[in-house]
Amino acid sequence: MFAVLKTGGKQYKVQAGDILRVEKLAADAGEKVQFNDVLMLGGDAPVVGAPFVEGAGVQAEVIEQIKGDKVIKFVKRRRKHSSKRTVGHRQKLTLVKITDILSSGADKSGIKAATGSAPAGEAAPAAKKPAAKKAEAKAAAPAAAAADDLTKLNGVGPAAAKKLNDAGIESFAALAALSDEQIAAIDTVKVKPEWVEQAKELAKG
């Protein structure tokens, strides 16, 4: 009996005992996984799925996580540019051994489904988004009661005023109340000391 399964955008014809190299799966060595996307079951009574065979599955044991052969990409631009670039790549793969082919009842087997994401131990830490930095800057800046035209300050143009507004500074009073630590926490624009002095005078009215 054989089966045709789909994983990682590719199709494989397998039978019990076969060893496959498939696109990286979220599983560790020694773990059992199950491929639920079975396109066809072959044998004495072949079954073709539409697109998958309902209740069928292919069980496998993960042998190890490996890398494929290095692929070299070479780009050369002639004439005006005359540049060259060489890039190498090794695809991450998973080596599995097919242990069993189920024609039915795969949905009740209780074995983990084979998925193509990175294992939990290799998950990359989430990068800090710029939006989070803006939120921190806004939290550091005092709340403004009413918006003022910050372009009235000498040296503050429309672009600088917009950056100050993005940092949560929308009034002369808010700018005048900034401490040295709060000024250092604002990374969208460099707040100059003379702006703070002018803001103190304008905030008085």
C-alpha atoms as a PDB file:
ATOM      1  CA  MET A   1       0.000   0.000   0.000  1.00  0.00           C
ATOM      2  CA  PHE A   2       1.243   3.478  -0.826  1.00  0.00           C
ATOM      3  CA  ALA A   3      -0.004   7.026  -0.358  1.00  0.00           C
ATOM      4  CA  VAL A   4       0.524  10.376  -2.022  1.00  0.00           C
ATOM      5  CA  LEU A   5       0.794  13.132   0.568  1.00  0.00           C
ATOM      6  CA  LYS A   6       1.260  16.876   0.364  1.00  0.00           C
ATOM      7  CA  THR A   7       3.530  18.911   2.639  1.00  0.00           C
ATOM      8  CA  GLY A   8       5.535  22.089   2.189  1.00  0.00           C
ATOM      9  CA  GLY A   9       3.906  22.717  -1.197  1.00  0.00           C
ATOM     10  CA  LYS A  10       5.247  19.418  -2.594  1.00  0.00           C
ATOM     11  CA  GLN A  11       3.778  15.971  -3.185  1.00  0.00           C
ATOM     12  CA  TYR A  12       5.440  12.701  -2.187  1.00  0.00           C
ATOM     13  CA  LYS A  13       4.592   9.092  -3.000  1.00  0.00           C
ATOM     14  CA  VAL A  14       5.425   7.073   0.130  1.00  0.00           C
ATOM     15  CA  GLN A  15       5.007   3.682   1.731  1.00  0.00           C
ATOM     16  CA  ALA A  16       5.899   2.282   5.146  1.00  0.00           C
ATOM     17  CA  GLY A  17       9.654   2.308   5.798  1.00  0.00           C
ATOM     18  CA  ASP A  18      10.480   5.145   3.385  1.00  0.00           C
ATOM     19  CA  ILE A  19      12.801   7.946   4.541  1.00  0.00           C
ATOM     20  CA  LEU A  20      11.934  11.429   3.273  1.00  0.00           C
ATOM     21  CA  ARG A  21      13.467  14.880   3.329  1.00  0.00           C
ATOM     22  CA  VAL A  22      10.606  17.368   3.638  1.00  0.00           C
ATOM     23  CA  GLU A  23      10.324  21.101   4.292  1.00  0.00           C
ATOM     24  CA  LYS A  24      11.105  21.920   7.931  1.00  0.00           C
ATOM     25  CA  LEU A  25       8.490  20.686  10.408  1.00  0.00           C
ATOM     26  CA  ALA A  26       7.743  21.918  13.925  1.00  0.00           C
ATOM     27  CA  ALA A  27       8.946  18.739  15.641  1.00  0.00           C
ATOM     28  CA  ASP A  28      12.007  17.448  17.479  1.00  0.00           C
ATOM     29  CA  ALA A  29      14.020  14.296  16.759  1.00  0.00           C
ATOM     30  CA  GLY A  30      12.229  11.149  17.943  1.00  0.00           C
ATOM     31  CA  GLU A  31       8.790  12.779  17.878  1.00  0.00           C
ATOM     32  CA  LYS A  32       5.911  11.232  15.908  1.00  0.00           C
ATOM     33  CA  VAL A  33       3.933  13.373  13.466  1.00  0.00           C
ATOM     34  CA  GLN A  34       1.036  12.752  11.132  1.00  0.00           C
ATOM     35  CA  PHE A  35       0.494  14.093   7.611  1.00  0.00           C
ATOM     36  CA  ASN A  36      -3.235  14.651   7.141  1.00  0.00           C
ATOM     37  CA  ASP A  37      -3.166  16.000   3.581  1.00  0.00           C
ATOM     38  CA  VAL A  38      -3.362  12.702   1.704  1.00  0.00           C
ATOM     39  CA  LEU A  39      -4.187  13.089  -1.992  1.00  0.00           C
ATOM     40  CA  MET A  40      -4.381   9.397  -2.875  1.00  0.00           C
ATOM     41  CA  LEU A  41      -4.240   5.921  -1.404  1.00  0.00           C
ATOM     42  CA  GLY A  42      -2.908   3.162  -3.658  1.00  0.00           C
ATOM     43  CA  GLY A  43      -3.115  -0.618  -3.492  1.00  0.00           C
ATOM     44  CA  ASP A  44      -5.775  -3.202  -4.290  1.00  0.00           C
ATOM     45  CA  ALA A  45      -8.542  -0.579  -4.041  1.00  0.00           C
ATOM     46  CA  PRO A  46      -7.101   2.852  -4.951  1.00  0.00           C
ATOM     47  CA  VAL A  47      -8.824   5.926  -3.496  1.00  0.00           C
ATOM     48  CA  VAL A  48      -8.391   9.409  -4.977  1.00  0.00           C
ATOM     49  CA  GLY A  49      -9.193  12.405  -2.815  1.00  0.00           C
ATOM     50  CA  ALA A  50     -11.195  15.478  -3.760  1.00  0.00           C
ATOM     51  CA  PRO A  51      -8.741  17.036  -3.072  1.00  0.00           C
ATOM     52  CA  PHE A  52      -7.859  14.986   0.059  1.00  0.00           C
ATOM     53  CA  VAL A  53      -8.918  11.533   1.193  1.00  0.00           C
ATOM     54  CA  GLU A  54     -11.208  11.991   4.190  1.00  0.00           C
ATOM     55  CA  GLY A  55      -9.987  10.274   7.352  1.00  0.00           C
ATOM     56  CA  ALA A  56      -6.680   9.182   5.804  1.00  0.00           C
ATOM     57  CA  GLY A  57      -3.264  10.006   7.216  1.00  0.00           C
ATOM     58  CA  VAL A  58       0.398   9.123   7.017  1.00  0.00           C
ATOM     59  CA  GLN A  59       2.317   8.728  10.275  1.00  0.00           C
ATOM     60  CA  ALA A  60       6.056   9.293  10.487  1.00  0.00           C
ATOM     61  CA  GLU A  61       8.863   9.552  13.010  1.00  0.00           C
ATOM     62  CA  VAL A  62      11.198  12.556  12.935  1.00  0.00           C
ATOM     63  CA  ILE A  63      14.814  11.432  12.598  1.00  0.00           C
ATOM     64  CA  GLU A  64      16.540  14.834  12.708  1.00  0.00           C
ATOM     65  CA  GLN A  65      16.499  18.440  11.536  1.00  0.00           C
ATOM     66  CA  ILE A  66      18.953  18.924   8.658  1.00  0.00           C
ATOM     67  CA  LYS A  67      19.988  21.377   5.958  1.00  0.00           C
ATOM     68  CA  GLY A  68      19.928  20.731   2.240  1.00  0.00           C
ATOM     69  CA  ASP A  69      22.813  21.126  -0.189  1.00  0.00           C
ATOM     70  CA  LYS A  70      24.088  24.644  -0.720  1.00  0.00           C
ATOM     71  CA  VAL A  71      22.560  26.438  -3.696  1.00  0.00           C
ATOM     72  CA  ILE A  72      24.648  29.217  -5.258  1.00  0.00           C
ATOM     73  CA  LYS A  73      22.968  32.162  -6.957  1.00  0.00           C
ATOM     74  CA  PHE A  74      25.234  34.332  -9.103  1.00  0.00           C
ATOM     75  CA  VAL A  75      24.066  37.614 -10.644  1.00  0.00           C
ATOM     76  CA  LYS A  76      26.162  39.665 -13.051  1.00  0.00           C
ATOM     77  CA  ARG A  77      25.160  42.996 -14.565  1.00  0.00           C
ATOM     78  CA  ARG A  78      27.132  44.038 -17.604  1.00  0.00           C
ATOM     79  CA  ARG A  79      27.820  47.284 -19.434  1.00  0.00           C
ATOM     80  CA  LYS A  80      26.938  50.355 -17.332  1.00  0.00           C
ATOM     81  CA  HIS A  81      26.649  48.692 -13.934  1.00  0.00           C
ATOM     82  CA  SER A  82      29.291  45.976 -14.227  1.00  0.00           C
ATOM     83  CA  SER A  83      28.459  44.462 -10.835  1.00  0.00           C
ATOM     84  CA  LYS A  84      28.539  40.913  -9.485  1.00  0.00           C
ATOM     85  CA  ARG A  85      26.796  39.295  -6.556  1.00  0.00           C
ATOM     86  CA  THR A  86      27.020  35.749  -5.214  1.00  0.00           C
ATOM     87  CA  VAL A  87      24.525  34.449  -2.645  1.00  0.00           C
ATOM     88  CA  GLY A  88      24.466  30.992  -1.054  1.00  0.00           C
ATOM     89  CA  HIS A  89      21.476  29.289   0.557  1.00  0.00           C
ATOM     90  CA  ARG A  90      20.908  26.016   2.438  1.00  0.00           C
ATOM     91  CA  GLN A  91      17.249  25.096   2.860  1.00  0.00           C
ATOM     92  CA  LYS A  92      16.187  23.832   6.298  1.00  0.00           C
ATOM     93  CA  LEU A  93      14.697  20.341   6.030  1.00  0.00           C
ATOM     94  CA  THR A  94      13.365  17.593   8.276  1.00  0.00           C
ATOM     95  CA  LEU A  95      14.339  13.955   7.833  1.00  0.00           C
ATOM     96  CA  VAL A  96      11.391  11.630   8.599  1.00  0.00           C
ATOM     97  CA  LYS A  97      10.723   7.887   8.408  1.00  0.00           C
ATOM     98  CA  ILE A  98       7.258   6.730   7.332  1.00  0.00           C
ATOM     99  CA  THR A  99       5.912   4.311   9.922  1.00  0.00           C
ATOM    100  CA  ASP A 100       2.259   3.757   8.998  1.00  0.00           C
ATOM    101  CA  ILE A 101      -0.415   4.643   6.441  1.00  0.00           C
ATOM    102  CA  LEU A 102      -3.971   4.988   7.736  1.00  0.00           C
ATOM    103  CA  SER A 103      -6.866   4.698   5.303  1.00  0.00           C
ATOM    104  CA  SER A 104      -9.350   5.872   7.952  1.00  0.00           C
ATOM    105  CA  GLY A 105      -9.513   7.124  11.518  1.00  0.00           C
ATOM    106  CA  ALA A 106      -6.489   9.431  11.225  1.00  0.00           C
ATOM    107  CA  ASP A 107      -8.460  12.305  12.769  1.00  0.00           C
ATOM    108  CA  LYS A 108      -8.845  10.259  15.982  1.00  0.00           C
ATOM    109  CA  SER A 109      -5.282   8.964  16.262  1.00  0.00           C
ATOM    110  CA  GLY A 110      -4.204  11.684  18.693  1.00  0.00           C
ATOM    111  CA  ILE A 111      -0.817  12.147  16.996  1.00  0.00           C
ATOM    112  CA  LYS A 112       0.458  15.671  16.437  1.00  0.00           C
ATOM    113  CA  ALA A 113      -0.200  17.043  12.933  1.00  0.00           C
ATOM    114  CA  ALA A 114       2.865  17.845  10.847  1.00  0.00           C
ATOM    115  CA  THR A 115       3.103  21.618  10.460  1.00  0.00           C
ATOM    116  CA  GLY A 116       5.811  23.660   8.815  1.00  0.00           C
ATOM    117  CA  SER A 117       6.735  26.260  11.434  1.00  0.00           C
ATOM    118  CA  ALA A 118       9.894  26.479  13.527  1.00  0.00           C
ATOM    119  CA  PRO A 119      10.137  24.419  16.748  1.00  0.00           C
ATOM    120  CA  ALA A 120       9.297  26.256  19.958  1.00  0.00           C
ATOM    121  CA  GLY A 121      12.941  26.311  21.078  1.00  0.00           C
ATOM    122  CA  GLU A 122      14.031  28.135  17.903  1.00  0.00           C
ATOM    123  CA  ALA A 123      11.401  30.841  17.787  1.00  0.00           C
ATOM    124  CA  ALA A 124      12.994  34.223  17.196  1.00  0.00           C
ATOM    125  CA  PRO A 125      12.248  36.884  19.802  1.00  0.00           C
ATOM    126  CA  ALA A 126       9.743  39.449  18.626  1.00  0.00           C
ATOM    127  CA  ALA A 127      11.381  42.648  17.473  1.00  0.00           C
ATOM    128  CA  LYS A 128      10.422  45.824  19.240  1.00  0.00           C
ATOM    129  CA  LYS A 129       8.182  47.783  16.896  1.00  0.00           C
ATOM    130  CA  PRO A 130       8.644  51.524  16.282  1.00  0.00           C
ATOM    131  CA  ALA A 131       5.037  52.025  17.395  1.00  0.00           C
ATOM    132  CA  ALA A 132       5.983  50.776  20.846  1.00  0.00           C
ATOM    133  CA  LYS A 133       8.775  53.363  21.050  1.00  0.00           C
ATOM    134  CA  LYS A 134       6.315  56.100  20.118  1.00  0.00           C
ATOM    135  CA  ALA A 135       3.945  54.897  22.816  1.00  0.00           C
ATOM    136  CA  GLU A 136       6.766  55.021  25.380  1.00  0.00           C
ATOM    137  CA  ALA A 137       7.690  58.542  24.318  1.00  0.00           C
ATOM    138  CA  LYS A 138       4.063  59.647  24.548  1.00  0.00           C
ATOM    139  CA  ALA A 139       3.822  58.141  28.022  1.00  0.00           C
ATOM    140  CA  ALA A 140       6.970  60.008  29.082  1.00  0.00           C
ATOM    141  CA  ALA A 141       5.695  63.332  27.767  1.00  0.00           C
ATOM    142  CA  PRO A 142       3.162  65.208  29.907  1.00  0.00           C
ATOM    143  CA  ALA A 143      -0.398  65.368  28.627  1.00  0.00           C
ATOM    144  CA  ALA A 144      -1.246  68.542  26.724  1.00  0.00           C
ATOM    145  CA  ALA A 145      -4.372  70.465  27.628  1.00  0.00           C
ATOM    146  CA  ALA A 146      -4.724  72.135  24.225  1.00  0.00           C
ATOM    147  CA  ALA A 147      -2.730  72.070  21.002  1.00  0.00           C
ATOM    148  CA  ASP A 148      -0.492  75.039  20.172  1.00  0.00           C
ATOM    149  CA  ASP A 149       1.268  76.032  16.956  1.00  0.00           C
ATOM    150  CA  LEU A 150       4.785  74.807  17.722  1.00  0.00           C
ATOM    151  CA  THR A 151       6.160  76.394  14.563  1.00  0.00           C
ATOM    152  CA  LYS A 152       6.131  79.707  16.473  1.00  0.00           C
ATOM    153  CA  LEU A 153       9.303  78.500  18.181  1.00  0.00           C
ATOM    154  CA  ASN A 154      12.512  79.636  16.491  1.00  0.00           C
ATOM    155  CA  GLY A 155      14.069  76.713  14.623  1.00  0.00           C
ATOM    156  CA  VAL A 156      10.922  74.554  14.648  1.00  0.00           C
ATOM    157  CA  GLY A 157       9.535  73.957  11.171  1.00  0.00           C
ATOM    158  CA  PRO A 158       6.475  71.949  10.104  1.00  0.00           C
ATOM    159  CA  ALA A 159       8.460  68.691  10.008  1.00  0.00           C
ATOM    160  CA  ALA A 160       9.875  69.162  13.528  1.00  0.00           C
ATOM    161  CA  ALA A 161       6.451  70.222  14.822  1.00  0.00           C
ATOM    162  CA  LYS A 162       4.919  67.037  13.402  1.00  0.00           C
ATOM    163  CA  LYS A 163       7.595  64.908  15.077  1.00  0.00           C
ATOM    164  CA  LEU A 164       6.942  66.647  18.384  1.00  0.00           C
ATOM    165  CA  ASN A 165       3.214  65.987  17.982  1.00  0.00           C
ATOM    166  CA  ASP A 166       3.935  62.323  17.247  1.00  0.00           C
ATOM    167  CA  ALA A 167       5.876  62.204  20.520  1.00  0.00           C
ATOM    168  CA  GLY A 168       2.815  63.519  22.369  1.00  0.00           C
ATOM    169  CA  ILE A 169       3.984  67.153  22.695  1.00  0.00           C
ATOM    170  CA  GLU A 170       1.260  69.382  21.279  1.00  0.00           C
ATOM    171  CA  SER A 171       1.468  72.518  23.442  1.00  0.00           C
ATOM    172  CA  PHE A 172       4.017  74.988  24.763  1.00  0.00           C
ATOM    173  CA  ALA A 173       3.189  73.936  28.319  1.00  0.00           C
ATOM    174  CA  ALA A 174       3.935  70.296  27.549  1.00  0.00           C
ATOM    175  CA  LEU A 175       7.272  71.200  25.980  1.00  0.00           C
ATOM    176  CA  ALA A 176       8.186  73.530  28.846  1.00  0.00           C
ATOM    177  CA  ALA A 177       7.454  70.821  31.437  1.00  0.00           C
ATOM    178  CA  LEU A 178       9.841  68.252  29.936  1.00  0.00           C
ATOM    179  CA  SER A 179      12.653  67.021  32.168  1.00  0.00           C
ATOM    180  CA  ASP A 180      16.105  66.004  30.918  1.00  0.00           C
ATOM    181  CA  GLU A 181      15.157  62.300  31.190  1.00  0.00           C
ATOM    182  CA  GLN A 182      11.963  62.829  29.194  1.00  0.00           C
ATOM    183  CA  ILE A 183      13.856  64.744  26.507  1.00  0.00           C
ATOM    184  CA  ALA A 184      16.368  61.902  26.231  1.00  0.00           C
ATOM    185  CA  ALA A 185      13.507  59.390  25.855  1.00  0.00           C
ATOM    186  CA  ILE A 186      12.187  61.148  22.734  1.00  0.00           C
ATOM    187  CA  ASP A 187      13.943  59.608  19.739  1.00  0.00           C
ATOM    188  CA  THR A 188      11.743  61.022  16.967  1.00  0.00           C
ATOM    189  CA  VAL A 189      13.297  64.500  17.179  1.00  0.00           C
ATOM    190  CA  LYS A 190      16.158  66.135  19.061  1.00  0.00           C
ATOM    191  CA  VAL A 191      14.642  68.678  21.440  1.00  0.00           C
ATOM    192  CA  LYS A 192      16.900  71.724  21.745  1.00  0.00           C
ATOM    193  CA  PRO A 193      17.252  73.611  25.076  1.00  0.00           C
ATOM    194  CA  GLU A 194      16.284  76.909  23.422  1.00  0.00           C
ATOM    195  CA  TRP A 195      12.950  75.390  22.369  1.00  0.00           C
ATOM    196  CA  VAL A 196      12.179  74.596  25.991  1.00  0.00           C
ATOM    197  CA  GLU A 197      13.092  78.148  27.102  1.00  0.00           C
ATOM    198  CA  GLN A 198      10.939  79.711  24.380  1.00  0.00           C
ATOM    199  CA  ALA A 199       8.066  77.376  25.249  1.00  0.00           C
ATOM    200  CA  LYS A 200       8.212  78.493  28.893  1.00  0.00           C
ATOM    201  CA  GLU A 201       7.815  82.130  27.835  1.00  0.00           C
ATOM    202  CA  LEU A 202       5.003  81.394  25.381  1.00  0.00           C
ATOM    203  CA  ALA A 203       3.189  79.169  27.895  1.00  0.00           C
ATOM    204  CA  LYS A 204       2.941  82.150  30.281  1.00  0.00           C
ATOM    205  CA  GLY A 205       0.893  83.944  27.614  1.00  0.00           C
END
